[in-house]
Amino acid sequence: MLALYVLNRFQRYSTASYTAIILTMEPVFAGLFLFLFLGEILTAWQLFGGVLILIGIGVPKLVGGRAT
């Protein structure tokens, strides 16, 4: 609840692309915090999904987008 409040409060000061990145990272952070604080065991599929999200965010930033 706190994270969503902070996101909504300060979203106007950020660009649309950075806001999208933060929202896309939500399941990755959820899995990480469950693992760290609650001892959740992450399956290979969950780790693979997290890696795919990171790749999906990283590749466009490394390659660069078209200027529109």
Protein backbone atom coordinates (compact mmCIF):
# COMPACT_ATOMS: atom_id res chain seq x y z
CA MET A 1 0.00 0.00 0.00
CA LEU A 2 2.85 2.38 0.81
CA ALA A 3 4.59 1.65 -2.49
CA LEU A 4 1.45 2.42 -4.50
CA TYR A 5 0.91 5.63 -2.57
CA VAL A 6 4.48 6.78 -3.23
CA LEU A 7 4.19 5.81 -6.90
CA ASN A 8 0.95 7.73 -7.35
CA ARG A 9 2.19 10.71 -5.38
CA PHE A 10 5.42 11.21 -7.33
CA GLN A 11 4.42 9.86 -10.74
CA ARG A 12 3.81 13.36 -12.06
CA TYR A 13 7.51 14.17 -11.60
CA SER A 14 8.65 11.20 -13.68
CA THR A 15 8.47 10.35 -17.35
CA ALA A 16 6.03 7.81 -18.71
CA SER A 17 8.80 5.35 -19.58
CA TYR A 18 10.27 5.35 -16.06
CA THR A 19 6.82 4.91 -14.55
CA ALA A 20 6.23 1.94 -16.87
CA ILE A 21 9.55 0.42 -15.80
CA ILE A 22 8.65 0.77 -12.13
CA LEU A 23 5.25 -0.84 -12.68
CA THR A 24 6.80 -3.65 -14.72
CA MET A 25 9.26 -4.38 -11.92
CA GLU A 26 6.48 -4.84 -9.35
CA PRO A 27 6.25 -8.66 -9.64
CA VAL A 28 10.05 -8.95 -9.56
CA PHE A 29 10.25 -6.97 -6.33
CA ALA A 30 7.32 -8.91 -4.88
CA GLY A 31 9.10 -12.20 -5.50
CA LEU A 32 12.37 -10.84 -4.14
CA PHE A 33 10.78 -9.55 -0.93
CA LEU A 34 8.85 -12.78 -0.44
CA PHE A 35 12.09 -14.70 -0.76
CA LEU A 36 14.05 -12.40 1.56
CA PHE A 37 11.49 -11.73 4.28
CA LEU A 38 9.10 -14.69 4.27
CA GLY A 39 11.39 -17.47 3.13
CA GLU A 40 9.36 -18.23 0.01
CA ILE A 41 10.97 -20.78 -2.26
CA LEU A 42 11.09 -19.52 -5.83
CA THR A 43 10.69 -22.10 -8.57
CA ALA A 44 12.75 -22.16 -11.73
CA TRP A 45 9.77 -20.81 -13.69
CA GLN A 46 9.41 -17.85 -11.34
CA LEU A 47 13.10 -17.04 -11.60
CA PHE A 48 12.91 -17.43 -15.38
CA GLY A 49 9.96 -15.03 -15.50
CA GLY A 50 11.88 -12.48 -13.43
CA VAL A 51 14.84 -12.76 -15.77
CA LEU A 52 12.56 -12.28 -18.78
CA ILE A 53 11.14 -9.12 -17.23
CA LEU A 54 14.65 -7.78 -16.61
CA ILE A 55 15.67 -8.62 -20.18
CA GLY A 56 12.51 -6.99 -21.51
CA ILE A 57 13.39 -3.81 -19.66
CA GLY A 58 17.11 -3.88 -20.37
CA VAL A 59 17.21 -4.63 -24.08
CA PRO A 60 15.27 -1.54 -25.22
CA LYS A 61 17.37 0.66 -22.93
CA LEU A 62 20.61 -0.79 -24.33
CA VAL A 63 19.52 -0.81 -27.97
CA GLY A 64 17.80 2.55 -27.79
CA GLY A 65 14.43 3.49 -29.12
CA ARG A 66 13.30 5.40 -32.15
CA ALA A 67 12.75 9.10 -31.71
CA THR A 68 9.15 9.92 -32.48
